């Protein structure tokens, strides 16, 4: 898969539709069932953490648990992307803006 997952566009903090589609494809290549377990989540977080302020594995585990809505030990792409959005550095306003942008775009992709 090449471990390529875009967390921000090179020109801005906003992901394009194409970025999200590519991320979804990468997610499915790494998780063919469409579900990611905590081990894979921690792996991806470790790869992406230079883009994030939070370096703490406990914070990562808490984020995973918070977005594992049905508590089956896995998260889907929407939950994964939402968790990453909340782990990214920025202001609260930026998190909220990014969250709603992703919800709108994800509804068109998934």
PDB file of N, CA and C in Angstrom:
ATOM      1  N   UNK A   1       0.805  -1.174   0.000  1.00  0.00           N
ATOM      2  CA  UNK A   1       0.000   0.000   0.000  1.00  0.00           C
ATOM      3  C   UNK A   1       0.855   1.248   0.000  1.00  0.00           C
ATOM      4  N   UNK A   2       2.045   1.200   0.540  1.00  0.00           N
ATOM      5  CA  UNK A   2       2.902   2.357   0.520  1.00  0.00           C
ATOM      6  C   UNK A   2       2.702   3.314   1.677  1.00  0.00           C
ATOM      7  N   UNK A   3       1.773   2.991   2.592  1.00  0.00           N
ATOM      8  CA  UNK A   3       1.541   3.815   3.777  1.00  0.00           C
ATOM      9  C   UNK A   3       1.315   5.281   3.439  1.00  0.00           C
ATOM     10  N   UNK A   4       0.531   5.551   2.402  1.00  0.00           N
ATOM     11  CA  UNK A   4       0.248   6.922   1.979  1.00  0.00           C
ATOM     12  C   UNK A   4      -1.169   7.286   2.373  1.00  0.00           C
ATOM     13  N   UNK A   5      -1.284   8.194   3.312  1.00  0.00           N
ATOM     14  CA  UNK A   5      -2.584   8.671   3.749  1.00  0.00           C
ATOM     15  C   UNK A   5      -2.454  10.170   3.935  1.00  0.00           C
ATOM     16  N   UNK A   6      -3.256  10.940   3.211  1.00  0.00           N
ATOM     17  CA  UNK A   6      -3.154  12.392   3.229  1.00  0.00           C
ATOM     18  C   UNK A   6      -3.947  12.942   4.407  1.00  0.00           C
ATOM     19  N   UNK A   7      -3.282  13.722   5.281  1.00  0.00           N
ATOM     20  CA  UNK A   7      -3.978  14.358   6.397  1.00  0.00           C
ATOM     21  C   UNK A   7      -4.197  15.836   6.158  1.00  0.00           C
ATOM     22  N   UNK A   8      -3.478  16.385   5.198  1.00  0.00           N
ATOM     23  CA  UNK A   8      -3.724  17.771   4.798  1.00  0.00           C
ATOM     24  C   UNK A   8      -3.189  17.960   3.398  1.00  0.00           C
ATOM     25  N   UNK A   9      -3.814  18.851   2.671  1.00  0.00           N
ATOM     26  CA  UNK A   9      -3.370  19.187   1.332  1.00  0.00           C
ATOM     27  C   UNK A   9      -2.079  19.992   1.450  1.00  0.00           C
ATOM     28  N   UNK A  10      -1.179  19.840   0.507  1.00  0.00           N
ATOM     29  CA  UNK A  10       0.097  20.554   0.582  1.00  0.00           C
ATOM     30  C   UNK A  10      -0.074  22.068   0.563  1.00  0.00           C
ATOM     31  N   UNK A  11      -1.178  22.555  -0.016  1.00  0.00           N
ATOM     32  CA  UNK A  11      -1.396  23.996  -0.102  1.00  0.00           C
ATOM     33  C   UNK A  11      -2.272  24.556   1.023  1.00  0.00           C
ATOM     34  N   UNK A  12      -2.917  23.693   1.802  1.00  0.00           N
ATOM     35  CA  UNK A  12      -3.794  24.167   2.873  1.00  0.00           C
ATOM     36  C   UNK A  12      -4.083  23.021   3.836  1.00  0.00           C
ATOM     37  N   UNK A  13      -4.852  23.304   4.871  1.00  0.00           N
ATOM     38  CA  UNK A  13      -5.273  22.270   5.811  1.00  0.00           C
ATOM     39  C   UNK A  13      -6.547  21.579   5.361  1.00  0.00           C
ATOM     40  N   UNK A  14      -7.079  21.960   4.206  1.00  0.00           N
ATOM     41  CA  UNK A  14      -8.327  21.402   3.705  1.00  0.00           C
ATOM     42  C   UNK A  14      -8.034  20.250   2.751  1.00  0.00           C
ATOM     43  N   UNK A  15      -8.698  19.134   2.976  1.00  0.00           N
ATOM     44  CA  UNK A  15      -8.562  17.998   2.061  1.00  0.00           C
ATOM     45  C   UNK A  15      -9.525  18.163   0.900  1.00  0.00           C
ATOM     46  N   UNK A  16      -9.063  17.802  -0.279  1.00  0.00           N
ATOM     47  CA  UNK A  16      -9.924  17.844  -1.461  1.00  0.00           C
ATOM     48  C   UNK A  16     -10.731  16.558  -1.548  1.00  0.00           C
ATOM     49  N   UNK A  17     -11.738  16.549  -2.405  1.00  0.00           N
ATOM     50  CA  UNK A  17     -12.501  15.322  -2.642  1.00  0.00           C
ATOM     51  C   UNK A  17     -11.573  14.209  -3.104  1.00  0.00           C
ATOM     52  N   UNK A  18     -10.622  14.560  -3.950  1.00  0.00           N
ATOM     53  CA  UNK A  18      -9.665  13.574  -4.462  1.00  0.00           C
ATOM     54  C   UNK A  18      -8.804  13.007  -3.332  1.00  0.00           C
ATOM     55  N   UNK A  19      -8.368  13.856  -2.393  1.00  0.00           N
ATOM     56  CA  UNK A  19      -7.602  13.390  -1.238  1.00  0.00           C
ATOM     57  C   UNK A  19      -8.406  12.374  -0.439  1.00  0.00           C
ATOM     58  N   UNK A  20      -9.678  12.685  -0.203  1.00  0.00           N
ATOM     59  CA  UNK A  20     -10.518  11.791   0.595  1.00  0.00           C
ATOM     60  C   UNK A  20     -10.757  10.480  -0.137  1.00  0.00           C
ATOM     61  N   UNK A  21     -10.980  10.535  -1.446  1.00  0.00           N
ATOM     62  CA  UNK A  21     -11.155   9.297  -2.219  1.00  0.00           C
ATOM     63  C   UNK A  21      -9.896   8.446  -2.181  1.00  0.00           C
ATOM     64  N   UNK A  22      -8.744   9.078  -2.300  1.00  0.00           N
ATOM     65  CA  UNK A  22      -7.479   8.339  -2.221  1.00  0.00           C
ATOM     66  C   UNK A  22      -7.272   7.747  -0.828  1.00  0.00           C
ATOM     67  N   UNK A  23      -7.638   8.495   0.195  1.00  0.00           N
ATOM     68  CA  UNK A  23      -7.541   7.978   1.558  1.00  0.00           C
ATOM     69  C   UNK A  23      -8.450   6.774   1.759  1.00  0.00           C
ATOM     70  N   UNK A  24      -9.649   6.846   1.204  1.00  0.00           N
ATOM     71  CA  UNK A  24     -10.590   5.728   1.324  1.00  0.00           C
ATOM     72  C   UNK A  24     -10.023   4.485   0.630  1.00  0.00           C
ATOM     73  N   UNK A  25      -9.441   4.682  -0.532  1.00  0.00           N
ATOM     74  CA  UNK A  25      -8.826   3.572  -1.259  1.00  0.00           C
ATOM     75  C   UNK A  25      -7.680   2.969  -0.432  1.00  0.00           C
ATOM     76  N   UNK A  26      -6.829   3.832   0.145  1.00  0.00           N
ATOM     77  CA  UNK A  26      -5.724   3.355   0.987  1.00  0.00           C
ATOM     78  C   UNK A  26      -6.249   2.622   2.215  1.00  0.00           C
ATOM     79  N   UNK A  27      -7.321   3.146   2.800  1.00  0.00           N
ATOM     80  CA  UNK A  27      -7.925   2.513   3.969  1.00  0.00           C
ATOM     81  C   UNK A  27      -8.398   1.106   3.623  1.00  0.00           C
ATOM     82  N   UNK A  28      -9.081   0.967   2.485  1.00  0.00           N
ATOM     83  CA  UNK A  28      -9.592  -0.350   2.085  1.00  0.00           C
ATOM     84  C   UNK A  28      -8.475  -1.317   1.698  1.00  0.00           C
ATOM     85  N   UNK A  29      -7.402  -0.798   1.123  1.00  0.00           N
ATOM     86  CA  UNK A  29      -6.261  -1.663   0.802  1.00  0.00           C
ATOM     87  C   UNK A  29      -5.643  -2.235   2.077  1.00  0.00           C
ATOM     88  N   UNK A  30      -5.594  -1.427   3.112  1.00  0.00           N
ATOM     89  CA  UNK A  30      -5.014  -1.855   4.380  1.00  0.00           C
ATOM     90  C   UNK A  30      -6.017  -2.628   5.235  1.00  0.00           C
ATOM     91  N   UNK A  31      -7.300  -2.391   5.018  1.00  0.00           N
ATOM     92  CA  UNK A  31      -8.376  -3.000   5.809  1.00  0.00           C
ATOM     93  C   UNK A  31      -9.479  -3.471   4.866  1.00  0.00           C
ATOM     94  N   UNK A  32      -9.266  -4.587   4.168  1.00  0.00           N
ATOM     95  CA  UNK A  32     -10.235  -5.033   3.153  1.00  0.00           C
ATOM     96  C   UNK A  32     -11.648  -5.255   3.685  1.00  0.00           C
ATOM     97  N   UNK A  33     -11.780  -5.508   4.980  1.00  0.00           N
ATOM     98  CA  UNK A  33     -13.111  -5.711   5.550  1.00  0.00           C
ATOM     99  C   UNK A  33     -13.867  -4.390   5.703  1.00  0.00           C
ATOM    100  N   UNK A  34     -13.136  -3.265   5.550  1.00  0.00           N
ATOM    101  CA  UNK A  34     -13.746  -1.968   5.761  1.00  0.00           C
ATOM    102  C   UNK A  34     -13.737  -1.550   7.223  1.00  0.00           C
ATOM    103  N   UNK A  35     -13.114  -2.357   8.089  1.00  0.00           N
ATOM    104  CA  UNK A  35     -13.028  -2.084   9.522  1.00  0.00           C
ATOM    105  C   UNK A  35     -11.565  -2.124   9.951  1.00  0.00           C
ATOM    106  N   UNK A  36     -11.165  -1.208  10.802  1.00  0.00           N
ATOM    107  CA  UNK A  36      -9.793  -1.123  11.290  1.00  0.00           C
ATOM    108  C   UNK A  36      -9.784  -1.425  12.788  1.00  0.00           C
ATOM    109  N   UNK A  37      -8.879  -2.313  13.207  1.00  0.00           N
ATOM    110  CA  UNK A  37      -8.776  -2.579  14.643  1.00  0.00           C
ATOM    111  C   UNK A  37      -7.820  -1.587  15.296  1.00  0.00           C
ATOM    112  N   UNK A  38      -7.742  -1.638  16.618  1.00  0.00           N
ATOM    113  CA  UNK A  38      -6.931  -0.663  17.351  1.00  0.00           C
ATOM    114  C   UNK A  38      -5.457  -0.783  16.995  1.00  0.00           C
ATOM    115  N   UNK A  39      -4.973  -1.984  16.761  1.00  0.00           N
ATOM    116  CA  UNK A  39      -3.565  -2.179  16.399  1.00  0.00           C
ATOM    117  C   UNK A  39      -3.227  -1.427  15.108  1.00  0.00           C
ATOM    118  N   UNK A  40      -4.093  -1.549  14.102  1.00  0.00           N
ATOM    119  CA  UNK A  40      -3.869  -0.850  12.824  1.00  0.00           C
ATOM    120  C   UNK A  40      -4.020   0.665  13.011  1.00  0.00           C
ATOM    121  N   UNK A  41      -4.969   1.088  13.836  1.00  0.00           N
ATOM    122  CA  UNK A  41      -5.152   2.506  14.113  1.00  0.00           C
ATOM    123  C   UNK A  41      -3.879   3.086  14.733  1.00  0.00           C
ATOM    124  N   UNK A  42      -3.330   2.398  15.714  1.00  0.00           N
ATOM    125  CA  UNK A  42      -2.101   2.865  16.361  1.00  0.00           C
ATOM    126  C   UNK A  42      -0.939   2.878  15.369  1.00  0.00           C
ATOM    127  N   UNK A  43      -0.903   1.882  14.483  1.00  0.00           N
ATOM    128  CA  UNK A  43       0.130   1.840  13.437  1.00  0.00           C
ATOM    129  C   UNK A  43       0.034   3.078  12.552  1.00  0.00           C
ATOM    130  N   UNK A  44      -1.176   3.379  12.060  1.00  0.00           N
ATOM    131  CA  UNK A  44      -1.362   4.535  11.187  1.00  0.00           C
ATOM    132  C   UNK A  44      -1.086   5.832  11.923  1.00  0.00           C
ATOM    133  N   UNK A  45      -1.527   5.912  13.161  1.00  0.00           N
ATOM    134  CA  UNK A  45      -1.260   7.118  13.942  1.00  0.00           C
ATOM    135  C   UNK A  45       0.239   7.322  14.089  1.00  0.00           C
ATOM    136  N   UNK A  46       0.970   6.249  14.354  1.00  0.00           N
ATOM    137  CA  UNK A  46       2.419   6.344  14.493  1.00  0.00           C
ATOM    138  C   UNK A  46       3.062   6.857  13.206  1.00  0.00           C
ATOM    139  N   UNK A  47       2.553   6.429  12.058  1.00  0.00           N
ATOM    140  CA  UNK A  47       3.074   6.911  10.778  1.00  0.00           C
ATOM    141  C   UNK A  47       2.747   8.377  10.539  1.00  0.00           C
ATOM    142  N   UNK A  48       1.583   8.808  11.001  1.00  0.00           N
ATOM    143  CA  UNK A  48       1.104  10.157  10.716  1.00  0.00           C
ATOM    144  C   UNK A  48       1.453  11.177  11.783  1.00  0.00           C
ATOM    145  N   UNK A  49       1.929  10.738  12.931  1.00  0.00           N
ATOM    146  CA  UNK A  49       2.068  11.647  14.063  1.00  0.00           C
ATOM    147  C   UNK A  49       2.983  12.846  13.864  1.00  0.00           C
ATOM    148  N   UNK A  50       3.902  12.860  12.904  1.00  0.00           N
ATOM    149  CA  UNK A  50       4.619  14.125  12.690  1.00  0.00           C
ATOM    150  C   UNK A  50       3.675  15.278  12.340  1.00  0.00           C
ATOM    151  N   UNK A  51       2.503  14.959  11.784  1.00  0.00           N
ATOM    152  CA  UNK A  51       1.510  15.978  11.451  1.00  0.00           C
ATOM    153  C   UNK A  51       0.622  16.346  12.643  1.00  0.00           C
ATOM    154  N   UNK A  52       0.789  15.658  13.763  1.00  0.00           N
ATOM    155  CA  UNK A  52      -0.093  15.840  14.912  1.00  0.00           C
ATOM    156  C   UNK A  52       0.673  16.365  16.113  1.00  0.00           C
ATOM    157  N   UNK A  53      -0.042  17.062  16.988  1.00  0.00           N
ATOM    158  CA  UNK A  53       0.556  17.543  18.231  1.00  0.00           C
ATOM    159  C   UNK A  53       0.586  16.450  19.290  1.00  0.00           C
ATOM    160  N   UNK A  54      -0.412  15.609  19.305  1.00  0.00           N
ATOM    161  CA  UNK A  54      -0.545  14.600  20.352  1.00  0.00           C
ATOM    162  C   UNK A  54       0.358  13.417  20.027  1.00  0.00           C
ATOM    163  N   UNK A  55       1.324  13.147  20.889  1.00  0.00           N
ATOM    164  CA  UNK A  55       2.253  12.052  20.662  1.00  0.00           C
ATOM    165  C   UNK A  55       1.969  10.875  21.596  1.00  0.00           C
ATOM    166  N   UNK A  56       1.014  11.031  22.472  1.00  0.00           N
ATOM    167  CA  UNK A  56       0.732  10.077  23.520  1.00  0.00           C
ATOM    168  C   UNK A  56      -0.121   8.908  23.011  1.00  0.00           C
ATOM    169  N   UNK A  57       0.370   7.689  23.191  1.00  0.00           N
ATOM    170  CA  UNK A  57      -0.376   6.510  22.757  1.00  0.00           C
ATOM    171  C   UNK A  57      -1.682   6.367  23.534  1.00  0.00           C
ATOM    172  N   UNK A  58      -1.690   6.779  24.789  1.00  0.00           N
ATOM    173  CA  UNK A  58      -2.913   6.703  25.590  1.00  0.00           C
ATOM    174  C   UNK A  58      -3.995   7.602  24.982  1.00  0.00           C
ATOM    175  N   UNK A  59      -3.620   8.797  24.557  1.00  0.00           N
ATOM    176  CA  UNK A  59      -4.578   9.697  23.904  1.00  0.00           C
ATOM    177  C   UNK A  59      -5.120   9.051  22.637  1.00  0.00           C
ATOM    178  N   UNK A  60      -4.250   8.369  21.936  1.00  0.00           N
ATOM    179  CA  UNK A  60      -4.645   7.674  20.708  1.00  0.00           C
ATOM    180  C   UNK A  60      -5.636   6.549  21.030  1.00  0.00           C
ATOM    181  N   UNK A  61      -5.344   5.786  22.058  1.00  0.00           N
ATOM    182  CA  UNK A  61      -6.245   4.704  22.463  1.00  0.00           C
ATOM    183  C   UNK A  61      -7.591   5.264  22.904  1.00  0.00           C
ATOM    184  N   UNK A  62      -7.564   6.387  23.605  1.00  0.00           N
ATOM    185  CA  UNK A  62      -8.817   7.011  24.020  1.00  0.00           C
ATOM    186  C   UNK A  62      -9.614   7.504  22.821  1.00  0.00           C
ATOM    187  N   UNK A  63      -8.927   8.058  21.831  1.00  0.00           N
ATOM    188  CA  UNK A  63      -9.612   8.502  20.609  1.00  0.00           C
ATOM    189  C   UNK A  63     -10.244   7.304  19.908  1.00  0.00           C
ATOM    190  N   UNK A  64      -9.501   6.210  19.812  1.00  0.00           N
ATOM    191  CA  UNK A  64     -10.045   5.005  19.173  1.00  0.00           C
ATOM    192  C   UNK A  64     -11.301   4.549  19.909  1.00  0.00           C
ATOM    193  N   UNK A  65     -11.213   4.469  21.228  1.00  0.00           N
ATOM    194  CA  UNK A  65     -12.354   4.012  22.024  1.00  0.00           C
ATOM    195  C   UNK A  65     -13.551   4.941  21.861  1.00  0.00           C
ATOM    196  N   UNK A  66     -13.297   6.239  21.791  1.00  0.00           N
ATOM    197  CA  UNK A  66     -14.389   7.201  21.648  1.00  0.00           C
ATOM    198  C   UNK A  66     -15.110   7.056  20.312  1.00  0.00           C
ATOM    199  N   UNK A  67     -14.383   6.693  19.263  1.00  0.00           N
ATOM    200  CA  UNK A  67     -14.999   6.603  17.944  1.00  0.00           C
ATOM    201  C   UNK A  67     -15.444   5.187  17.579  1.00  0.00           C
ATOM    202  N   UNK A  68     -15.127   4.220  18.414  1.00  0.00           N
ATOM    203  CA  UNK A  68     -15.633   2.852  18.245  1.00  0.00           C
ATOM    204  C   UNK A  68     -17.032   2.811  18.857  1.00  0.00           C
ATOM    205  N   UNK A  69     -17.991   3.327  18.109  1.00  0.00           N
ATOM    206  CA  UNK A  69     -19.339   3.544  18.628  1.00  0.00           C
ATOM    207  C   UNK A  69     -20.023   2.275  19.139  1.00  0.00           C
ATOM    208  N   UNK A  70     -19.885   1.172  18.419  1.00  0.00           N
ATOM    209  CA  UNK A  70     -20.565  -0.052  18.850  1.00  0.00           C
ATOM    210  C   UNK A  70     -19.685  -0.942  19.734  1.00  0.00           C
ATOM    211  N   UNK A  71     -18.500  -0.458  20.059  1.00  0.00           N
ATOM    212  CA  UNK A  71     -17.567  -1.127  20.984  1.00  0.00           C
ATOM    213  C   UNK A  71     -17.226  -2.560  20.568  1.00  0.00           C
ATOM    214  N   UNK A  72     -17.082  -2.735  19.231  1.00  0.00           N
ATOM    215  CA  UNK A  72     -16.701  -4.062  18.736  1.00  0.00           C
ATOM    216  C   UNK A  72     -15.197  -4.182  18.505  1.00  0.00           C
ATOM    217  N   UNK A  73     -14.437  -3.142  18.868  1.00  0.00           N
ATOM    218  CA  UNK A  73     -12.982  -3.182  18.712  1.00  0.00           C
ATOM    219  C   UNK A  73     -12.502  -2.784  17.334  1.00  0.00           C
ATOM    220  N   UNK A  74     -13.406  -2.245  16.507  1.00  0.00           N
ATOM    221  CA  UNK A  74     -13.028  -1.794  15.167  1.00  0.00           C
ATOM    222  C   UNK A  74     -13.724  -0.468  14.872  1.00  0.00           C
ATOM    223  N   UNK A  75     -13.133   0.269  13.918  1.00  0.00           N
ATOM    224  CA  UNK A  75     -13.756   1.496  13.434  1.00  0.00           C
ATOM    225  C   UNK A  75     -13.775   1.452  11.910  1.00  0.00           C
ATOM    226  N   UNK A  76     -14.743   2.151  11.319  1.00  0.00           N
ATOM    227  CA  UNK A  76     -14.809   2.219   9.866  1.00  0.00           C
ATOM    228  C   UNK A  76     -14.072   3.464   9.382  1.00  0.00           C
ATOM    229  N   UNK A  77     -14.099   3.699   8.078  1.00  0.00           N
ATOM    230  CA  UNK A  77     -13.356   4.816   7.498  1.00  0.00           C
ATOM    231  C   UNK A  77     -13.829   6.165   8.040  1.00  0.00           C
ATOM    232  N   UNK A  78     -15.141   6.352   8.140  1.00  0.00           N
ATOM    233  CA  UNK A  78     -15.659   7.624   8.651  1.00  0.00           C
ATOM    234  C   UNK A  78     -15.170   7.858  10.080  1.00  0.00           C
ATOM    235  N   UNK A  79     -15.236   6.835  10.908  1.00  0.00           N
ATOM    236  CA  UNK A  79     -14.793   6.959  12.294  1.00  0.00           C
ATOM    237  C   UNK A  79     -13.285   7.221  12.360  1.00  0.00           C
ATOM    238  N   UNK A  80     -12.523   6.536  11.518  1.00  0.00           N
ATOM    239  CA  UNK A  80     -11.072   6.710  11.467  1.00  0.00           C
ATOM    240  C   UNK A  80     -10.715   8.149  11.074  1.00  0.00           C
ATOM    241  N   UNK A  81     -11.354   8.636  10.033  1.00  0.00           N
ATOM    242  CA  UNK A  81     -11.080   9.977   9.548  1.00  0.00           C
ATOM    243  C   UNK A  81     -11.487  11.025  10.576  1.00  0.00           C
ATOM    244  N   UNK A  82     -12.613  10.800  11.227  1.00  0.00           N
ATOM    245  CA  UNK A  82     -13.067  11.724  12.262  1.00  0.00           C
ATOM    246  C   UNK A  82     -12.094  11.736  13.438  1.00  0.00           C
ATOM    247  N   UNK A  83     -11.622  10.562  13.852  1.00  0.00           N
ATOM    248  CA  UNK A  83     -10.647  10.482  14.947  1.00  0.00           C
ATOM    249  C   UNK A  83      -9.377  11.242  14.583  1.00  0.00           C
ATOM    250  N   UNK A  84      -8.895  11.064  13.357  1.00  0.00           N
ATOM    251  CA  UNK A  84      -7.696  11.787  12.931  1.00  0.00           C
ATOM    252  C   UNK A  84      -7.920  13.293  12.925  1.00  0.00           C
ATOM    253  N   UNK A  85      -9.110  13.709  12.518  1.00  0.00           N
ATOM    254  CA  UNK A  85      -9.408  15.140  12.494  1.00  0.00           C
ATOM    255  C   UNK A  85      -9.317  15.737  13.892  1.00  0.00           C
ATOM    256  N   UNK A  86      -9.779  15.007  14.877  1.00  0.00           N
ATOM    257  CA  UNK A  86      -9.749  15.526  16.239  1.00  0.00           C
ATOM    258  C   UNK A  86      -8.379  15.412  16.887  1.00  0.00           C
ATOM    259  N   UNK A  87      -7.508  14.574  16.364  1.00  0.00           N
ATOM    260  CA  UNK A  87      -6.158  14.450  16.908  1.00  0.00           C
ATOM    261  C   UNK A  87      -5.194  15.455  16.286  1.00  0.00           C
ATOM    262  N   UNK A  88      -5.602  16.073  15.169  1.00  0.00           N
ATOM    263  CA  UNK A  88      -4.731  17.043  14.494  1.00  0.00           C
ATOM    264  C   UNK A  88      -4.588  18.314  15.308  1.00  0.00           C
ATOM    265  N   UNK A  89      -3.426  18.974  15.172  1.00  0.00           N
ATOM    266  CA  UNK A  89      -3.264  20.253  15.855  1.00  0.00           C
ATOM    267  C   UNK A  89      -4.091  21.333  15.169  1.00  0.00           C
ATOM    268  N   UNK A  90      -4.563  22.276  15.899  1.00  0.00           N
ATOM    269  CA  UNK A  90      -5.302  23.438  15.400  1.00  0.00           C
ATOM    270  C   UNK A  90      -6.196  23.959  16.507  1.00  0.00           C
ATOM    271  N   UNK A  91      -6.936  24.941  16.183  1.00  0.00           N
ATOM    272  CA  UNK A  91      -7.891  25.497  17.127  1.00  0.00           C
ATOM    273  C   UNK A  91      -9.166  24.669  17.115  1.00  0.00           C
ATOM    274  N   UNK A  92      -9.998  24.890  18.095  1.00  0.00           N
ATOM    275  CA  UNK A  92     -11.293  24.211  18.146  1.00  0.00           C
ATOM    276  C   UNK A  92     -12.093  24.540  16.895  1.00  0.00           C
ATOM    277  N   UNK A  93     -12.053  25.788  16.481  1.00  0.00           N
ATOM    278  CA  UNK A  93     -12.809  26.203  15.298  1.00  0.00           C
ATOM    279  C   UNK A  93     -12.340  25.450  14.050  1.00  0.00           C
ATOM    280  N   UNK A  94     -11.035  25.271  13.926  1.00  0.00           N
ATOM    281  CA  UNK A  94     -10.499  24.540  12.777  1.00  0.00           C
ATOM    282  C   UNK A  94     -10.945  23.089  12.815  1.00  0.00           C
ATOM    283  N   UNK A  95     -10.967  22.487  14.004  1.00  0.00           N
ATOM    284  CA  UNK A  95     -11.433  21.101  14.137  1.00  0.00           C
ATOM    285  C   UNK A  95     -12.893  20.972  13.718  1.00  0.00           C
ATOM    286  N   UNK A  96     -13.713  21.896  14.182  1.00  0.00           N
ATOM    287  CA  UNK A  96     -15.139  21.850  13.850  1.00  0.00           C
ATOM    288  C   UNK A  96     -15.335  22.044  12.353  1.00  0.00           C
ATOM    289  N   UNK A  97     -14.649  23.011  11.762  1.00  0.00           N
ATOM    290  CA  UNK A  97     -14.750  23.233  10.316  1.00  0.00           C
ATOM    291  C   UNK A  97     -14.333  21.999   9.539  1.00  0.00           C
ATOM    292  N   UNK A  98     -13.180  21.419   9.904  1.00  0.00           N
ATOM    293  CA  UNK A  98     -12.693  20.230   9.213  1.00  0.00           C
ATOM    294  C   UNK A  98     -13.664  19.070   9.379  1.00  0.00           C
ATOM    295  N   UNK A  99     -14.187  18.895  10.582  1.00  0.00           N
ATOM    296  CA  UNK A  99     -15.135  17.807  10.848  1.00  0.00           C
ATOM    297  C   UNK A  99     -16.342  17.904   9.924  1.00  0.00           C
ATOM    298  N   UNK A 100     -16.945  19.093   9.822  1.00  0.00           N
ATOM    299  CA  UNK A 100     -18.128  19.245   8.976  1.00  0.00           C
ATOM    300  C   UNK A 100     -17.794  19.138   7.491  1.00  0.00           C
ATOM    301  N   UNK A 101     -16.641  19.622   7.082  1.00  0.00           N
ATOM    302  CA  UNK A 101     -16.221  19.455   5.691  1.00  0.00           C
ATOM    303  C   UNK A 101     -16.095  17.976   5.354  1.00  0.00           C
ATOM    304  N   UNK A 102     -15.494  17.217   6.268  1.00  0.00           N
ATOM    305  CA  UNK A 102     -15.308  15.785   6.005  1.00  0.00           C
ATOM    306  C   UNK A 102     -16.637  15.050   5.995  1.00  0.00           C
ATOM    307  N   UNK A 103     -17.549  15.409   6.887  1.00  0.00           N
ATOM    308  CA  UNK A 103     -18.861  14.750   6.886  1.00  0.00           C
ATOM    309  C   UNK A 103     -19.566  14.942   5.553  1.00  0.00           C
ATOM    310  N   UNK A 104     -19.538  16.159   5.035  1.00  0.00           N
ATOM    311  CA  UNK A 104     -20.194  16.446   3.756  1.00  0.00           C
ATOM    312  C   UNK A 104     -19.534  15.636   2.644  1.00  0.00           C
ATOM    313  N   UNK A 105     -18.217  15.649   2.609  1.00  0.00           N
ATOM    314  CA  UNK A 105     -17.504  14.943   1.542  1.00  0.00           C
ATOM    315  C   UNK A 105     -17.608  13.429   1.683  1.00  0.00           C
ATOM    316  N   UNK A 106     -17.541  12.927   2.904  1.00  0.00           N
ATOM    317  CA  UNK A 106     -17.637  11.485   3.123  1.00  0.00           C
ATOM    318  C   UNK A 106     -18.990  10.946   2.705  1.00  0.00           C
ATOM    319  N   UNK A 107     -20.044  11.702   2.908  1.00  0.00           N
ATOM    320  CA  UNK A 107     -21.362  11.230   2.533  1.00  0.00           C
ATOM    321  C   UNK A 107     -21.443  11.029   1.016  1.00  0.00           C
ATOM    322  N   UNK A 108     -20.645  11.747   0.262  1.00  0.00           N
ATOM    323  CA  UNK A 108     -20.629  11.593  -1.193  1.00  0.00           C
ATOM    324  C   UNK A 108     -19.737  10.428  -1.633  1.00  0.00           C
ATOM    325  N   UNK A 109     -18.753  10.048  -0.810  1.00  0.00           N
ATOM    326  CA  UNK A 109     -17.795   9.009  -1.183  1.00  0.00           C
ATOM    327  C   UNK A 109     -18.231   7.639  -0.712  1.00  0.00           C
ATOM    328  N   UNK A 110     -18.689   7.553   0.513  1.00  0.00           N
ATOM    329  CA  UNK A 110     -18.989   6.252   1.131  1.00  0.00           C
ATOM    330  C   UNK A 110     -20.467   5.995   1.085  1.00  0.00           C
TER     331      UNK A 110
END
